[in-house]
Protein backbone atom coordinates (compact mmCIF):
# COMPACT_ATOMS: atom_id res chain seq x y z
CA MET A 1 -10.55 -4.73 23.77
CA LYS A 2 -7.77 -6.89 22.64
CA ALA A 3 -4.81 -5.35 20.71
CA TYR A 4 -1.22 -6.16 19.82
CA GLY A 5 1.57 -3.71 20.12
CA MET A 6 4.64 -2.53 22.07
CA ASN A 7 5.05 -1.36 25.69
CA GLN A 8 8.49 -0.47 24.49
CA PHE A 9 10.04 -0.19 21.21
CA GLY A 10 12.13 -3.09 20.05
CA ASP A 11 12.08 -6.23 17.81
CA ILE A 12 9.15 -8.23 16.56
CA ASP A 13 9.45 -10.69 19.54
CA HIS A 14 8.60 -7.82 21.85
CA LEU A 15 5.02 -7.47 20.38
CA ASN A 16 2.64 -8.28 23.25
CA GLU A 17 -1.13 -8.64 23.66
CA ILE A 18 -2.36 -5.41 25.24
CA GLU A 19 -5.84 -4.75 26.66
CA LEU A 20 -7.06 -1.28 25.87
CA GLU A 21 -10.31 0.67 26.28
CA THR A 22 -12.53 0.58 23.15
CA PRO A 23 -12.14 3.79 21.26
CA GLN A 24 -14.93 6.42 21.43
CA PRO A 25 -15.86 8.54 18.46
CA THR A 26 -14.15 11.88 18.28
CA LYS A 27 -14.72 14.71 15.73
CA GLY A 28 -14.85 13.31 12.25
CA ARG A 29 -14.21 9.73 13.00
CA ILE A 30 -15.95 6.30 12.81
CA ILE A 31 -15.44 3.37 15.15
CA VAL A 32 -14.90 0.14 13.14
CA GLN A 33 -15.08 -3.41 14.54
CA THR A 34 -12.15 -4.77 12.67
CA LYS A 35 -12.37 -7.85 10.46
CA ALA A 36 -9.12 -7.80 8.51
CA ILE A 37 -5.86 -5.88 8.88
CA ALA A 38 -3.11 -5.65 6.11
CA LEU A 39 0.53 -5.10 7.06
CA ASN A 40 2.82 -2.51 5.36
CA PRO A 41 6.65 -2.07 5.67
CA TYR A 42 6.03 1.25 7.61
CA ASP A 43 4.58 -0.87 10.46
CA LEU A 44 8.00 -2.28 11.24
CA THR A 45 9.24 1.17 11.87
CA VAL A 46 6.53 1.71 14.37
CA ILE A 47 7.47 -1.51 16.15
CA ASP A 48 11.22 -0.79 16.36
CA GLY A 49 10.68 2.94 17.26
CA SER A 50 12.37 4.44 14.24
CA ALA A 51 9.11 6.08 13.13
CA ALA A 52 9.00 8.00 16.48
CA GLU A 53 12.00 10.07 15.38
CA TYR A 54 9.69 11.81 12.86
CA ARG A 55 6.35 11.78 14.49
CA PRO A 56 4.89 11.45 18.02
CA ILE A 57 4.04 7.85 18.80
CA ASN A 58 2.64 7.08 22.26
CA LEU A 59 3.28 3.87 24.19
CA PRO A 60 1.80 1.45 24.17
CA ALA A 61 2.30 1.62 20.28
CA ILE A 62 -0.31 -0.22 18.30
CA PRO A 63 1.07 -0.79 14.67
CA THR A 64 -0.83 -0.94 11.17
CA SER A 65 -3.16 1.45 9.56
CA ASP A 66 -4.96 -0.58 6.80
CA VAL A 67 -8.26 -2.09 8.12
CA SER A 68 -11.67 -3.25 7.09
CA GLY A 69 -14.65 -4.04 9.12
CA ILE A 70 -18.15 -2.90 10.23
CA VAL A 71 -19.09 0.58 11.61
CA VAL A 72 -20.34 0.22 15.23
CA ASP A 73 -20.29 3.99 16.26
CA LYS A 74 -19.56 7.33 14.77
CA ASP A 75 -19.18 11.07 15.57
CA GLU A 76 -22.52 12.96 15.05
CA SER A 77 -20.78 15.21 12.34
CA VAL A 78 -20.18 12.04 10.09
CA THR A 79 -23.19 11.73 7.75
CA GLU A 80 -21.97 9.52 4.97
CA PHE A 81 -21.60 6.37 7.06
CA GLU A 82 -24.09 4.58 9.18
CA VAL A 83 -23.83 1.91 11.90
CA GLY A 84 -23.62 -1.43 10.21
CA ASP A 85 -21.82 -0.21 7.04
CA ARG A 86 -19.04 -2.42 5.62
CA ILE A 87 -16.00 -0.10 5.12
CA VAL A 88 -12.36 -0.04 4.33
CA GLY A 89 -10.15 2.62 5.96
CA ARG A 90 -6.75 4.05 6.68
CA ALA A 91 -6.20 4.59 10.35
CA ASN A 92 -3.52 6.70 11.87
CA ILE A 93 -1.79 3.63 13.22
CA GLY A 94 -3.45 1.65 16.04
CA GLY A 95 -5.13 -0.78 13.48
CA LEU A 96 -3.93 -3.97 15.14
CA ALA A 97 -6.94 -4.12 17.45
CA GLU A 98 -10.48 -5.45 17.66
CA PHE A 99 -11.87 -1.89 17.38
CA VAL A 100 -10.25 1.05 15.54
CA SER A 101 -10.93 4.82 15.10
CA VAL A 102 -10.85 5.80 11.49
CA PRO A 103 -11.01 9.24 10.00
CA HIS A 104 -14.13 9.45 7.78
CA LEU A 105 -12.19 11.13 5.03
CA LYS A 106 -9.91 8.05 4.89
CA ALA A 107 -12.72 5.52 4.58
CA ALA A 108 -15.04 4.04 1.89
CA LYS A 109 -17.99 1.67 1.90
CA ILE A 110 -17.52 -1.65 0.41
CA SER A 111 -20.22 -4.00 -1.14
CA ASP A 112 -21.05 -7.54 0.03
CA ASN A 113 -19.14 -8.63 -3.14
CA ILE A 114 -15.81 -7.62 -1.69
CA SER A 115 -14.22 -9.64 1.09
CA PHE A 116 -12.95 -7.90 4.12
CA GLU A 117 -9.41 -9.34 3.35
CA MET A 118 -9.33 -7.98 -0.15
CA ALA A 119 -10.49 -4.55 1.08
CA ALA A 120 -7.93 -4.33 3.89
CA ALA A 121 -5.28 -5.06 1.29
CA LEU A 122 -6.06 -1.86 -0.64
CA PRO A 123 -5.38 1.33 1.21
CA ASN A 124 -1.65 2.15 1.54
CA ALA A 125 -0.12 0.48 -1.46
CA SER A 126 -3.07 1.06 -3.85
CA ILE A 127 -3.72 4.66 -2.83
CA SER A 128 0.01 5.31 -3.74
CA ALA A 129 -0.51 3.67 -7.05
CA TYR A 130 -3.62 5.84 -7.72
CA ASP A 131 -1.82 9.03 -6.70
CA ILE A 132 0.91 8.17 -9.29
CA VAL A 133 -1.10 7.09 -12.24
CA MET A 134 -4.42 9.04 -11.72
CA ASP A 135 -2.92 12.31 -10.36
CA ILE A 136 0.71 12.82 -11.23
CA LEU A 137 0.28 11.27 -14.65
CA LYS A 138 -3.36 12.24 -15.37
CA ASP A 139 -2.65 14.86 -18.09
CA LYS A 140 0.45 12.93 -19.50
CA ASN A 141 0.75 10.83 -22.63
CA VAL A 142 2.12 7.66 -21.29
CA ASP A 143 2.27 5.17 -24.26
CA GLN A 144 5.35 3.41 -22.87
CA SER A 145 6.06 2.95 -19.24
CA LEU A 146 8.64 1.03 -17.22
CA VAL A 147 7.88 -0.04 -13.63
CA ILE A 148 10.78 -0.97 -11.37
CA GLY A 149 9.53 -3.30 -8.76
CA ALA A 150 6.44 -4.19 -10.74
CA THR A 151 5.28 -7.23 -8.76
CA GLY A 152 5.45 -5.52 -5.22
CA ALA A 153 2.24 -4.28 -3.62
CA VAL A 154 2.35 -0.80 -5.08
CA GLY A 155 3.86 -1.81 -8.37
CA ALA A 156 1.14 -4.54 -9.02
CA THR A 157 -1.70 -1.93 -8.73
CA THR A 158 0.32 0.66 -10.78
CA VAL A 159 0.73 -1.79 -13.54
CA GLN A 160 -3.01 -2.51 -13.68
CA LEU A 161 -3.89 1.16 -13.62
CA LEU A 162 -1.40 1.88 -16.43
CA LYS A 163 -2.72 -0.88 -18.53
CA GLN A 164 -6.19 0.37 -18.08
CA SER A 165 -5.02 3.85 -19.42
CA GLY A 166 -3.65 2.07 -22.55
CA SER A 167 -0.03 2.17 -21.72
CA ASN A 168 2.40 -0.53 -22.84
CA VAL A 169 4.15 -1.66 -19.66
CA THR A 170 7.53 -3.04 -19.11
CA GLY A 171 8.19 -4.48 -15.68
CA VAL A 172 11.53 -4.93 -13.82
CA LEU A 173 11.26 -7.80 -11.34
CA SER A 174 12.91 -10.97 -10.10
CA SER A 175 12.73 -13.91 -12.24
CA LYS A 176 10.90 -15.84 -9.55
CA ASN A 177 7.94 -13.62 -10.02
CA ASN A 178 7.46 -13.96 -13.82
CA GLN A 179 4.31 -15.94 -13.62
CA TYR A 180 2.57 -13.30 -11.53
CA ALA A 181 4.01 -10.56 -13.97
CA GLN A 182 2.20 -12.34 -16.73
CA GLN A 183 -1.07 -12.51 -14.77
CA LEU A 184 -0.82 -8.72 -14.32
CA GLY A 185 -0.58 -8.28 -18.00
CA ILE A 186 2.87 -6.85 -18.24
CA ASP A 187 3.93 -6.53 -21.79
CA GLN A 188 7.58 -6.94 -21.53
CA ILE A 189 9.49 -8.42 -18.51
CA ILE A 190 13.01 -7.56 -17.51
CA ASN A 191 14.57 -9.73 -14.89
CA TYR A 192 17.01 -7.67 -12.80
CA ASP A 193 18.67 -10.93 -11.76
CA HIS A 194 19.26 -12.04 -15.33
CA ASP A 195 18.88 -9.52 -18.06
CA GLN A 196 19.07 -5.93 -16.81
CA ASN A 197 20.89 -4.67 -19.85
CA THR A 198 18.11 -5.79 -22.33
CA VAL A 199 16.20 -2.55 -22.16
CA THR A 200 15.51 -1.53 -25.75
CA ASN A 201 12.50 0.77 -25.55
CA LYS A 202 12.31 4.46 -24.89
CA TYR A 203 9.77 5.35 -22.11
CA ASP A 204 7.48 8.31 -21.47
CA VAL A 205 7.69 7.44 -17.78
CA ILE A 206 9.77 5.23 -15.36
CA ILE A 207 8.30 4.57 -11.93
CA ASN A 208 10.63 3.21 -9.39
CA PHE A 209 9.54 1.31 -6.30
CA ALA A 210 12.85 -0.33 -5.53
CA PRO A 211 15.89 1.04 -3.67
CA VAL A 212 17.72 3.55 -5.94
CA THR A 213 21.08 2.01 -6.92
CA PRO A 214 23.71 2.72 -9.64
CA SER A 215 21.72 0.37 -11.88
CA THR A 216 18.64 2.69 -11.61
CA SER A 217 20.47 5.28 -13.65
CA SER A 218 20.90 2.73 -16.37
CA TYR A 219 17.15 2.60 -16.78
CA VAL A 220 16.79 6.32 -16.60
CA GLU A 221 18.90 6.62 -19.73
CA HIS A 222 15.94 5.08 -21.66
CA LEU A 223 13.56 7.97 -20.99
CA LYS A 224 12.30 9.78 -23.87
CA GLU A 225 13.06 13.45 -24.18
CA ASN A 226 10.91 15.07 -21.53
CA GLY A 227 10.26 11.78 -19.98
CA ILE A 228 9.35 11.56 -16.26
CA PHE A 229 11.13 9.57 -13.51
CA ILE A 230 9.15 8.99 -10.40
CA SER A 231 10.51 7.24 -7.29
CA THR A 232 8.87 6.28 -4.07
CA THR A 233 12.37 5.49 -2.44
CA GLY A 234 14.13 8.82 -3.06
CA LEU A 235 16.19 9.98 -6.09
CA GLY A 236 19.71 9.29 -4.99
CA ASP A 237 22.04 10.92 -7.48
CA ILE A 238 19.38 11.19 -10.10
CA ASN A 239 18.85 14.86 -10.67
CA PHE A 240 16.98 16.38 -13.61
CA LYS A 241 13.92 18.57 -13.93
CA ASN A 242 11.42 15.76 -14.57
CA ALA A 243 12.59 13.57 -11.60
CA ILE A 244 9.92 13.45 -8.85
CA ASP A 245 10.51 12.19 -5.46
CA PHE A 246 6.99 10.90 -4.57
CA ASN A 247 7.50 11.37 -0.93
CA ASP A 248 7.83 15.14 -1.40
CA ALA A 249 4.64 15.41 -3.40
CA GLU A 250 1.43 16.52 -1.72
CA PHE A 251 -1.40 14.27 -2.36
CA HIS A 252 -4.57 13.83 -0.20
CA ASN A 253 -6.62 11.43 -2.24
CA ASN A 254 -7.56 9.05 0.46
CA ARG A 255 -11.38 9.07 0.01
CA ARG A 256 -11.41 9.62 -3.66
CA ALA A 257 -8.77 6.96 -4.21
CA LEU A 258 -10.48 4.33 -2.04
CA GLU A 259 -13.71 4.96 -3.66
CA TYR A 260 -12.30 4.58 -7.06
CA LEU A 261 -10.32 1.43 -6.09
CA VAL A 262 -13.16 -0.22 -4.35
CA GLN A 263 -15.32 0.40 -7.57
CA GLN A 264 -12.52 -1.18 -9.61
CA ILE A 265 -12.46 -4.26 -7.54
CA ASP A 266 -16.32 -4.52 -7.41
CA GLN A 267 -16.35 -4.43 -11.27
CA GLN A 268 -13.55 -7.02 -11.37
CA LYS A 269 -11.16 -4.63 -13.16
CA LEU A 270 -8.53 -4.73 -10.45
CA THR A 271 -7.13 -7.41 -8.24
CA VAL A 272 -4.93 -7.27 -5.20
CA LYS A 273 -3.02 -10.38 -4.50
CA ILE A 274 -3.05 -11.65 -0.88
CA ALA A 275 0.19 -13.63 -0.12
CA GLU A 276 -0.95 -15.17 3.10
CA LYS A 277 -3.59 -14.86 5.82
CA PHE A 278 -2.98 -14.99 9.51
CA ASN A 279 -5.05 -15.45 12.69
CA PHE A 280 -5.41 -12.66 15.30
CA ASP A 281 -3.38 -14.20 18.02
CA LEU A 282 0.03 -13.39 19.32
CA THR A 283 2.03 -16.26 17.62
CA SER A 284 0.32 -15.65 14.26
CA VAL A 285 0.81 -11.75 14.50
CA GLN A 286 4.52 -12.14 15.21
CA SER A 287 4.85 -14.60 12.30
CA ALA A 288 3.12 -12.21 10.04
CA PHE A 289 5.54 -9.38 10.93
CA LYS A 290 8.52 -11.69 10.66
CA GLN A 291 7.53 -12.46 7.08
CA LEU A 292 7.01 -8.76 6.36
CA SER A 293 10.59 -8.13 7.36
CA GLU A 294 11.75 -10.62 4.90
CA HIS A 295 11.35 -10.96 1.14
CA HIS A 296 8.14 -12.73 1.17
CA LYS A 297 6.27 -13.95 -1.98
CA PRO A 298 4.27 -11.24 -3.91
CA GLY A 299 1.13 -9.95 -2.23
CA LYS A 300 -0.23 -8.49 0.90
CA LEU A 301 -0.03 -10.14 4.34
CA VAL A 302 -3.37 -10.03 6.06
CA ILE A 303 -4.59 -10.69 9.67
CA VAL A 304 -8.23 -11.91 9.78
CA LEU A 305 -10.29 -11.51 12.86
């Protein structure tokens, strides 16, 4: 089968077409004929090798994990999927290939109403949003929330889930993304490139998806007493009892989250923006990763087979 990856770690230009054996089902896994693949910033660390400092990555390294497609084979222990099912899944890297092995606990069925492209755009970013809103904050009273990086992939789903819960949402974002912020239903927009000091509300929760900088502390000052600060990019110098480093939290909601998110998409209660689609050829794949490494417009970058 055809795949794209690295025979040695390096920059994006070193991505090559690689011929691999089609994966066979091992315990607890389904084999998916890939129809769409979504990119995440983590994939760049697989390409340059920095991810290998923290986990074993064998060469050739095939990046990406967020895939959608059709089940073509499965381990006999897997009973909830059948050959022919349309699914979305979260592989353990190796997604940039014509066929992918996906753990059954990290997959969910999708209806014919959901495109493969939309489904592939869900797992990594939207599962994180689910974990924050539906798990960390599930028993919290969140009338007022502030989301820093509100129009990024994780931020956009977080905003929609917060709005569904009844929260009034303030979003911190670039002024160039104001129109998208309005489409998401953000109640108050703060443009960090223009009016950072216009924060007037007090917030039950502040959720940060941007790099932690000294300006982050200026937002934290607007938390209510016993308010919660959650960051996916570390805490920096922010240190108080209700500060949560999301990367330290233990969440394993892959199946439950995916099933919920798919249902929300199916019922048109949730949208995931796709910034651009790319073909499954070397030039297009390299172009997609180069856009990922830059500040591309809001939405997911998706490779379509």
